[in-house]
C-alpha cells in the first residue's frame, strides 16, 4: 500500500471520492478482518462513506464512494440503468480467438466456493453476463485486453475470460497455472465514466496501472481507452 492515503485518491469533491485501490486490499470488511478501503476512505473523509461498487481483493483500480446517502441513491439508480461506464485492462497468456468481440454467458454464483460458474441459459439461478473486449497490446508472452462489461455480475470478467481459455495472469482460481507472488491478478479497473450527482457534468476518471514490469511493458496510455 502507498505510504500516503492521499496518493491513492484520483478524484474527490463534496459528493464523491474515488480511489485507485492497490491489489490485496479488500474494499469492505471480510473474514480476514484486514483493514479495508471503506475504512480507509471513511477515516480520510472524517465521516462514513458509502461504497458504490465492488472490486475483487486481488484486483487493482478504481473504486467510487459516495459521501452522503443522496449521492449513493443517485449512483445506485445509475448502476441499475447501466449509466456508469467501466473499463478494465487485463493481461492474459493465451491469444483470444477473436481480436474484438462480445462475450455472453449465464453465470451462477457458487457461494460455497466463492466462485462464479458458467451454467446453461435454462439454469434457474443463472444470470446473464455480458462484456465486450478487444486486444490492444501484445508481447512475446502475453496479450493486453481492454474490457467493458455491460452487466455487473460476481467475478464476471475473471469467469468469462476463463471460459474462452484466456484466464487472467495470476488468477489460479479461474484456471491460470501459477499465482503471482503477491497474490494479485493482472486485472485493473482503469477507467470510470459517469455523470456527477449534483452538477450533471460527465466525469471521466483514469487510474494508472500497478508498478511492475509486466504492466510497465505495455505502458498503455489512457488515450487508448476511448469513451
C-alpha atoms as a PDB file:
ATOM      1  CA  UNK A   1       0.000   0.000   0.000  1.00  0.00           C
ATOM      2  CA  UNK A   2       1.104   3.573  -0.664  1.00  0.00           C
ATOM      3  CA  UNK A   3       2.854   5.386   2.157  1.00  0.00           C
ATOM      4  CA  UNK A   4       0.167   8.073   1.972  1.00  0.00           C
ATOM      5  CA  UNK A   5      -3.582   7.622   1.620  1.00  0.00           C
ATOM      6  CA  UNK A   6      -3.759  10.781  -0.465  1.00  0.00           C
ATOM      7  CA  UNK A   7      -1.560   9.085  -3.075  1.00  0.00           C
ATOM      8  CA  UNK A   8      -4.400   6.641  -3.727  1.00  0.00           C
ATOM      9  CA  UNK A   9      -7.012   9.341  -4.381  1.00  0.00           C
ATOM     10  CA  UNK A  10      -7.641  10.128  -8.038  1.00  0.00           C
ATOM     11  CA  UNK A  11     -10.744  12.334  -7.664  1.00  0.00           C
ATOM     12  CA  UNK A  12     -12.665  13.992  -4.835  1.00  0.00           C
ATOM     13  CA  UNK A  13     -15.244  16.692  -4.188  1.00  0.00           C
ATOM     14  CA  UNK A  14     -18.014  17.295  -1.657  1.00  0.00           C
ATOM     15  CA  UNK A  15     -20.158  14.458  -3.079  1.00  0.00           C
ATOM     16  CA  UNK A  16     -17.773  11.667  -4.039  1.00  0.00           C
ATOM     17  CA  UNK A  17     -14.268  10.287  -3.640  1.00  0.00           C
ATOM     18  CA  UNK A  18     -12.519   7.838  -5.975  1.00  0.00           C
ATOM     19  CA  UNK A  19      -9.529   5.685  -5.019  1.00  0.00           C
ATOM     20  CA  UNK A  20      -7.034   3.719  -7.087  1.00  0.00           C
ATOM     21  CA  UNK A  21      -7.089   0.564  -4.936  1.00  0.00           C
ATOM     22  CA  UNK A  22      -3.900  -1.470  -4.712  1.00  0.00           C
ATOM     23  CA  UNK A  23      -4.280  -5.212  -5.122  1.00  0.00           C
ATOM     24  CA  UNK A  24      -4.571  -7.133  -1.859  1.00  0.00           C
ATOM     25  CA  UNK A  25      -6.780  -4.657  -0.017  1.00  0.00           C
ATOM     26  CA  UNK A  26     -10.447  -5.641   0.438  1.00  0.00           C
ATOM     27  CA  UNK A  27     -12.979  -2.935  -0.387  1.00  0.00           C
ATOM     28  CA  UNK A  28     -15.133  -3.968   2.582  1.00  0.00           C
ATOM     29  CA  UNK A  29     -14.621  -5.969   5.769  1.00  0.00           C
ATOM     30  CA  UNK A  30     -14.219  -9.684   5.150  1.00  0.00           C
ATOM     31  CA  UNK A  31     -13.472 -12.755   7.259  1.00  0.00           C
ATOM     32  CA  UNK A  32      -9.766 -11.848   7.441  1.00  0.00           C
ATOM     33  CA  UNK A  33     -10.645  -8.667   9.356  1.00  0.00           C
ATOM     34  CA  UNK A  34      -7.881  -6.845   7.456  1.00  0.00           C
ATOM     35  CA  UNK A  35      -8.255  -3.092   7.149  1.00  0.00           C
ATOM     36  CA  UNK A  36     -10.462  -2.359   4.155  1.00  0.00           C
ATOM     37  CA  UNK A  37     -10.686   0.502   1.694  1.00  0.00           C
ATOM     38  CA  UNK A  38     -14.073   1.593   3.060  1.00  0.00           C
ATOM     39  CA  UNK A  39     -12.480   2.148   6.489  1.00  0.00           C
ATOM     40  CA  UNK A  40      -9.538   3.971   4.923  1.00  0.00           C
ATOM     41  CA  UNK A  41     -11.875   6.227   2.923  1.00  0.00           C
ATOM     42  CA  UNK A  42     -14.076   6.985   5.957  1.00  0.00           C
ATOM     43  CA  UNK A  43     -11.033   7.788   8.074  1.00  0.00           C
ATOM     44  CA  UNK A  44      -9.680  10.119   5.391  1.00  0.00           C
ATOM     45  CA  UNK A  45     -13.030  11.914   4.978  1.00  0.00           C
ATOM     46  CA  UNK A  46     -13.596  12.011   8.757  1.00  0.00           C
ATOM     47  CA  UNK A  47     -17.107  10.597   8.343  1.00  0.00           C
ATOM     48  CA  UNK A  48     -18.639   7.377   6.987  1.00  0.00           C
ATOM     49  CA  UNK A  49     -18.662   6.984   3.208  1.00  0.00           C
ATOM     50  CA  UNK A  50     -20.786   4.579   1.156  1.00  0.00           C
ATOM     51  CA  UNK A  51     -19.355   2.078  -1.328  1.00  0.00           C
ATOM     52  CA  UNK A  52     -20.934   2.415  -4.777  1.00  0.00           C
ATOM     53  CA  UNK A  53     -19.473  -0.711  -6.417  1.00  0.00           C
ATOM     54  CA  UNK A  54     -17.128  -3.561  -5.504  1.00  0.00           C
ATOM     55  CA  UNK A  55     -13.723  -4.661  -6.741  1.00  0.00           C
ATOM     56  CA  UNK A  56     -12.181  -8.048  -6.009  1.00  0.00           C
ATOM     57  CA  UNK A  57      -9.386  -8.135  -3.451  1.00  0.00           C
ATOM     58  CA  UNK A  58      -6.631  -9.313  -5.875  1.00  0.00           C
ATOM     59  CA  UNK A  59      -7.720  -6.725  -8.459  1.00  0.00           C
ATOM     60  CA  UNK A  60      -6.407  -3.160  -8.616  1.00  0.00           C
ATOM     61  CA  UNK A  61      -8.032   0.038  -9.806  1.00  0.00           C
ATOM     62  CA  UNK A  62     -10.854   2.490  -9.398  1.00  0.00           C
ATOM     63  CA  UNK A  63     -13.371   2.332  -6.555  1.00  0.00           C
ATOM     64  CA  UNK A  64     -16.057   5.003  -6.150  1.00  0.00           C
ATOM     65  CA  UNK A  65     -17.522   6.075  -2.799  1.00  0.00           C
ATOM     66  CA  UNK A  66     -20.471   8.373  -2.164  1.00  0.00           C
ATOM     67  CA  UNK A  67     -20.084  10.872   0.674  1.00  0.00           C
ATOM     68  CA  UNK A  68     -23.786  11.026   1.513  1.00  0.00           C
ATOM     69  CA  UNK A  69     -26.976   8.978   1.155  1.00  0.00           C
ATOM     70  CA  UNK A  70     -28.396  11.160  -1.608  1.00  0.00           C
ATOM     71  CA  UNK A  71     -25.314  10.619  -3.780  1.00  0.00           C
ATOM     72  CA  UNK A  72     -25.434   6.896  -3.022  1.00  0.00           C
ATOM     73  CA  UNK A  73     -29.087   6.677  -4.097  1.00  0.00           C
ATOM     74  CA  UNK A  74     -28.186   8.515  -7.310  1.00  0.00           C
ATOM     75  CA  UNK A  75     -25.393   6.063  -8.135  1.00  0.00           C
ATOM     76  CA  UNK A  76     -27.459   3.006  -7.217  1.00  0.00           C
ATOM     77  CA  UNK A  77     -30.020   4.134  -9.791  1.00  0.00           C
ATOM     78  CA  UNK A  78     -27.256   4.856 -12.308  1.00  0.00           C
ATOM     79  CA  UNK A  79     -25.921   1.312 -11.865  1.00  0.00           C
ATOM     80  CA  UNK A  80     -29.377  -0.140 -12.458  1.00  0.00           C
ATOM     81  CA  UNK A  81     -29.652   1.917 -15.648  1.00  0.00           C
ATOM     82  CA  UNK A  82     -26.121   0.935 -16.730  1.00  0.00           C
ATOM     83  CA  UNK A  83     -25.205   4.619 -16.703  1.00  0.00           C
ATOM     84  CA  UNK A  84     -21.794   4.113 -15.108  1.00  0.00           C
ATOM     85  CA  UNK A  85     -19.254   3.115 -17.739  1.00  0.00           C
ATOM     86  CA  UNK A  86     -16.352   0.940 -16.565  1.00  0.00           C
ATOM     87  CA  UNK A  87     -13.276  -0.107 -18.486  1.00  0.00           C
ATOM     88  CA  UNK A  88     -10.725  -2.652 -17.332  1.00  0.00           C
ATOM     89  CA  UNK A  89      -7.335  -3.811 -18.507  1.00  0.00           C
ATOM     90  CA  UNK A  90      -6.384  -7.483 -18.283  1.00  0.00           C
ATOM     91  CA  UNK A  91      -3.259  -9.418 -19.178  1.00  0.00           C
ATOM     92  CA  UNK A  92      -3.686 -12.982 -20.437  1.00  0.00           C
ATOM     93  CA  UNK A  93      -1.214 -15.550 -21.747  1.00  0.00           C
ATOM     94  CA  UNK A  94      -3.407 -17.276 -24.316  1.00  0.00           C
ATOM     95  CA  UNK A  95      -4.371 -15.483 -27.506  1.00  0.00           C
ATOM     96  CA  UNK A  96      -8.138 -14.941 -27.776  1.00  0.00           C
ATOM     97  CA  UNK A  97      -9.671 -16.469 -30.911  1.00  0.00           C
ATOM     98  CA  UNK A  98     -11.110 -13.101 -31.911  1.00  0.00           C
ATOM     99  CA  UNK A  99      -9.353  -9.760 -31.621  1.00  0.00           C
ATOM    100  CA  UNK A 100     -12.569  -7.982 -30.651  1.00  0.00           C
ATOM    101  CA  UNK A 101     -15.955  -9.400 -29.707  1.00  0.00           C
ATOM    102  CA  UNK A 102     -18.808  -9.607 -27.198  1.00  0.00           C
ATOM    103  CA  UNK A 103     -18.938 -12.476 -24.717  1.00  0.00           C
ATOM    104  CA  UNK A 104     -22.309 -13.615 -23.378  1.00  0.00           C
ATOM    105  CA  UNK A 105     -22.673 -16.301 -20.735  1.00  0.00           C
ATOM    106  CA  UNK A 106     -25.001 -17.261 -17.915  1.00  0.00           C
ATOM    107  CA  UNK A 107     -23.261 -17.235 -14.538  1.00  0.00           C
ATOM    108  CA  UNK A 108     -24.148 -18.903 -11.262  1.00  0.00           C
ATOM    109  CA  UNK A 109     -22.591 -17.614  -8.041  1.00  0.00           C
ATOM    110  CA  UNK A 110     -21.311 -20.580  -6.064  1.00  0.00           C
ATOM    111  CA  UNK A 111     -21.269 -19.149  -2.550  1.00  0.00           C
ATOM    112  CA  UNK A 112     -19.841 -22.320  -1.088  1.00  0.00           C
ATOM    113  CA  UNK A 113     -16.597 -21.933  -3.066  1.00  0.00           C
ATOM    114  CA  UNK A 114     -16.815 -18.151  -3.537  1.00  0.00           C
ATOM    115  CA  UNK A 115     -16.632 -18.638  -7.277  1.00  0.00           C
ATOM    116  CA  UNK A 116     -18.654 -17.889 -10.407  1.00  0.00           C
ATOM    117  CA  UNK A 117     -19.550 -20.777 -12.679  1.00  0.00           C
ATOM    118  CA  UNK A 118     -20.837 -20.850 -16.252  1.00  0.00           C
ATOM    119  CA  UNK A 119     -24.211 -22.574 -16.496  1.00  0.00           C
ATOM    120  CA  UNK A 120     -26.825 -23.250 -19.152  1.00  0.00           C
ATOM    121  CA  UNK A 121     -29.227 -20.457 -20.042  1.00  0.00           C
ATOM    122  CA  UNK A 122     -32.047 -22.523 -18.558  1.00  0.00           C
ATOM    123  CA  UNK A 123     -30.379 -22.790 -15.132  1.00  0.00           C
ATOM    124  CA  UNK A 124     -32.781 -21.468 -12.505  1.00  0.00           C
ATOM    125  CA  UNK A 125     -30.087 -19.454 -10.711  1.00  0.00           C
ATOM    126  CA  UNK A 126     -28.063 -18.399 -13.741  1.00  0.00           C
ATOM    127  CA  UNK A 127     -27.791 -14.693 -14.563  1.00  0.00           C
ATOM    128  CA  UNK A 128     -26.817 -13.204 -17.897  1.00  0.00           C
ATOM    129  CA  UNK A 129     -23.272 -11.818 -18.035  1.00  0.00           C
ATOM    130  CA  UNK A 130     -22.057  -9.780 -20.972  1.00  0.00           C
ATOM    131  CA  UNK A 131     -18.846  -7.931 -21.768  1.00  0.00           C
ATOM    132  CA  UNK A 132     -17.023  -6.502 -24.752  1.00  0.00           C
ATOM    133  CA  UNK A 133     -13.297  -6.965 -25.154  1.00  0.00           C
ATOM    134  CA  UNK A 134     -10.593  -6.107 -27.660  1.00  0.00           C
ATOM    135  CA  UNK A 135      -6.914  -6.953 -27.835  1.00  0.00           C
ATOM    136  CA  UNK A 136      -4.951  -3.694 -27.604  1.00  0.00           C
ATOM    137  CA  UNK A 137      -1.414  -4.948 -26.952  1.00  0.00           C
ATOM    138  CA  UNK A 138       0.880  -7.934 -27.358  1.00  0.00           C
ATOM    139  CA  UNK A 139       4.291  -9.030 -26.062  1.00  0.00           C
ATOM    140  CA  UNK A 140       6.250 -12.225 -26.681  1.00  0.00           C
ATOM    141  CA  UNK A 141       4.322 -13.953 -23.887  1.00  0.00           C
ATOM    142  CA  UNK A 142       1.136 -12.027 -23.137  1.00  0.00           C
ATOM    143  CA  UNK A 143      -1.844 -10.176 -24.577  1.00  0.00           C
ATOM    144  CA  UNK A 144      -3.372  -6.990 -23.199  1.00  0.00           C
ATOM    145  CA  UNK A 145      -7.156  -6.729 -23.323  1.00  0.00           C
ATOM    146  CA  UNK A 146      -9.429  -3.740 -22.866  1.00  0.00           C
ATOM    147  CA  UNK A 147     -12.705  -4.899 -21.346  1.00  0.00           C
ATOM    148  CA  UNK A 148     -16.018  -3.140 -20.980  1.00  0.00           C
ATOM    149  CA  UNK A 149     -18.650  -5.122 -19.048  1.00  0.00           C
ATOM    150  CA  UNK A 150     -22.278  -4.299 -19.761  1.00  0.00           C
ATOM    151  CA  UNK A 151     -23.507  -6.274 -16.749  1.00  0.00           C
ATOM    152  CA  UNK A 152     -22.101  -6.360 -13.240  1.00  0.00           C
ATOM    153  CA  UNK A 153     -22.049  -9.996 -12.175  1.00  0.00           C
ATOM    154  CA  UNK A 154     -19.898 -11.550  -9.465  1.00  0.00           C
ATOM    155  CA  UNK A 155     -16.362 -12.344 -10.785  1.00  0.00           C
ATOM    156  CA  UNK A 156     -17.769 -11.801 -14.271  1.00  0.00           C
ATOM    157  CA  UNK A 157     -14.606 -10.790 -16.138  1.00  0.00           C
ATOM    158  CA  UNK A 158     -12.493 -13.467 -14.479  1.00  0.00           C
ATOM    159  CA  UNK A 159     -15.041 -16.191 -15.152  1.00  0.00           C
ATOM    160  CA  UNK A 160     -15.851 -15.204 -18.735  1.00  0.00           C
ATOM    161  CA  UNK A 161     -12.216 -14.913 -19.824  1.00  0.00           C
ATOM    162  CA  UNK A 162     -11.536 -18.305 -18.254  1.00  0.00           C
ATOM    163  CA  UNK A 163     -14.480 -19.711 -20.216  1.00  0.00           C
ATOM    164  CA  UNK A 164     -12.743 -18.809 -23.507  1.00  0.00           C
ATOM    165  CA  UNK A 165      -9.475 -20.331 -22.215  1.00  0.00           C
ATOM    166  CA  UNK A 166      -7.888 -16.943 -21.534  1.00  0.00           C
ATOM    167  CA  UNK A 167      -7.579 -16.845 -17.737  1.00  0.00           C
ATOM    168  CA  UNK A 168      -6.047 -13.668 -16.319  1.00  0.00           C
ATOM    169  CA  UNK A 169      -2.394 -13.860 -15.348  1.00  0.00           C
ATOM    170  CA  UNK A 170      -2.084 -14.925 -11.707  1.00  0.00           C
ATOM    171  CA  UNK A 171      -5.740 -15.950 -11.380  1.00  0.00           C
ATOM    172  CA  UNK A 172      -5.364 -19.561 -10.228  1.00  0.00           C
ATOM    173  CA  UNK A 173      -8.976 -19.549  -9.014  1.00  0.00           C
ATOM    174  CA  UNK A 174     -10.074 -19.369 -12.639  1.00  0.00           C
ATOM    175  CA  UNK A 175      -7.537 -21.620 -14.282  1.00  0.00           C
ATOM    176  CA  UNK A 176      -4.238 -19.759 -14.569  1.00  0.00           C
ATOM    177  CA  UNK A 177      -1.431 -22.228 -13.891  1.00  0.00           C
ATOM    178  CA  UNK A 178       0.641 -20.147 -11.485  1.00  0.00           C
ATOM    179  CA  UNK A 179      -0.169 -17.405  -8.997  1.00  0.00           C
ATOM    180  CA  UNK A 180       1.671 -14.112  -8.600  1.00  0.00           C
ATOM    181  CA  UNK A 181       3.946 -13.814  -5.563  1.00  0.00           C
ATOM    182  CA  UNK A 182       1.822 -11.020  -4.087  1.00  0.00           C
ATOM    183  CA  UNK A 183      -1.421 -12.926  -4.841  1.00  0.00           C
ATOM    184  CA  UNK A 184      -2.533 -10.205  -7.236  1.00  0.00           C
ATOM    185  CA  UNK A 185      -4.057 -10.845 -10.627  1.00  0.00           C
ATOM    186  CA  UNK A 186      -3.398  -8.765 -13.746  1.00  0.00           C
ATOM    187  CA  UNK A 187      -6.854  -7.182 -13.828  1.00  0.00           C
ATOM    188  CA  UNK A 188      -7.090  -3.419 -13.366  1.00  0.00           C
ATOM    189  CA  UNK A 189     -10.141  -1.162 -13.219  1.00  0.00           C
ATOM    190  CA  UNK A 190      -8.655   1.587 -15.375  1.00  0.00           C
ATOM    191  CA  UNK A 191     -11.474   3.993 -16.164  1.00  0.00           C
ATOM    192  CA  UNK A 192     -14.818   5.175 -14.757  1.00  0.00           C
ATOM    193  CA  UNK A 193     -17.183   7.479 -16.603  1.00  0.00           C
ATOM    194  CA  UNK A 194     -20.379   8.839 -15.029  1.00  0.00           C
ATOM    195  CA  UNK A 195     -22.495  11.945 -14.613  1.00  0.00           C
ATOM    196  CA  UNK A 196     -21.931  13.883 -11.421  1.00  0.00           C
ATOM    197  CA  UNK A 197     -24.808  13.534  -8.919  1.00  0.00           C
ATOM    198  CA  UNK A 198     -25.326  17.286  -8.450  1.00  0.00           C
ATOM    199  CA  UNK A 199     -23.818  19.122 -11.438  1.00  0.00           C
ATOM    200  CA  UNK A 200     -24.797  16.548 -14.062  1.00  0.00           C
ATOM    201  CA  UNK A 201     -21.432  17.033 -15.753  1.00  0.00           C
ATOM    202  CA  UNK A 202     -19.780  13.956 -17.226  1.00  0.00           C
ATOM    203  CA  UNK A 203     -16.765  12.876 -15.190  1.00  0.00           C
ATOM    204  CA  UNK A 204     -14.056  10.576 -16.558  1.00  0.00           C
ATOM    205  CA  UNK A 205     -11.513   9.212 -14.081  1.00  0.00           C
ATOM    206  CA  UNK A 206      -8.431   7.167 -15.015  1.00  0.00           C
ATOM    207  CA  UNK A 207      -6.164   5.114 -12.755  1.00  0.00           C
ATOM    208  CA  UNK A 208      -2.521   4.261 -13.501  1.00  0.00           C
ATOM    209  CA  UNK A 209      -1.746   0.539 -13.563  1.00  0.00           C
ATOM    210  CA  UNK A 210       0.280  -1.028 -10.727  1.00  0.00           C
ATOM    211  CA  UNK A 211       4.052  -0.623 -10.813  1.00  0.00           C
ATOM    212  CA  UNK A 212       5.529  -3.881 -12.062  1.00  0.00           C
ATOM    213  CA  UNK A 213       7.479  -4.962 -15.126  1.00  0.00           C
ATOM    214  CA  UNK A 214       4.587  -6.628 -16.939  1.00  0.00           C
ATOM    215  CA  UNK A 215       2.240  -3.663 -16.719  1.00  0.00           C
ATOM    216  CA  UNK A 216       5.188  -1.380 -17.476  1.00  0.00           C
ATOM    217  CA  UNK A 217       5.923  -3.278 -20.699  1.00  0.00           C
ATOM    218  CA  UNK A 218       2.528  -2.392 -22.134  1.00  0.00           C
ATOM    219  CA  UNK A 219       2.512   1.115 -20.633  1.00  0.00           C
ATOM    220  CA  UNK A 220      -0.932   1.730 -22.072  1.00  0.00           C
ATOM    221  CA  UNK A 221      -1.769   5.425 -22.466  1.00  0.00           C
ATOM    222  CA  UNK A 222      -5.254   6.289 -21.307  1.00  0.00           C
ATOM    223  CA  UNK A 223      -5.899   7.853 -24.679  1.00  0.00           C
ATOM    224  CA  UNK A 224      -6.378   4.297 -25.977  1.00  0.00           C
ATOM    225  CA  UNK A 225      -9.358   3.869 -23.642  1.00  0.00           C
ATOM    226  CA  UNK A 226     -11.785   5.665 -25.881  1.00  0.00           C
ATOM    227  CA  UNK A 227     -15.149   6.752 -24.465  1.00  0.00           C
END
